[in-house]
Amino acid sequence: MNKRTLKFRAWDTVAKRFTYPDKGYQGHYVLTLNGEFFNLQNGSGGDEYIVQQWTGFVDRNGKDIYEGDIFSQEFDPIIFLDGKFMTNLRGARLFDLQEFWEDGQEPEVIGNIFENSELLNNE
């Protein structure tokens, strides 16, 4: 059986910060099979959170790479599309994240869509 690690983070739209259920006491959090996130400690959940999955990759600094992370201003945020984690080189084509590592590149996460929206190019 192919065993893989699944990790998620949840953007709290009210508190404007990430919750990482794999860090700290995990019994406080529930992630339903339809992607809804609930914090049992404070009773919040549902539409208050936006769930993002870990891609299975880390950047050159050892930082976990999640959906919504941004490598550089030349690339769009990471998305999950057609069963793969992808990013788009602006004005060019989609890249499967696996391509970066196969090409020997080691990208660096410089931000994410929630905490660093100024990095997004709104052309």
Foldseek 3Di string as FASTA:
>chain_A
DDDDDKWKWKQQQVVRDIDTCVPDDNVQWDQDPVGKIAGNVVGDIDPRIDMWIFQRDAAPVRHTAIFQFDQALQKDTWDQDPNAIWIQRPPDGIDGPVVCVVVVHGTDTPGGCRPCVVSHDPD
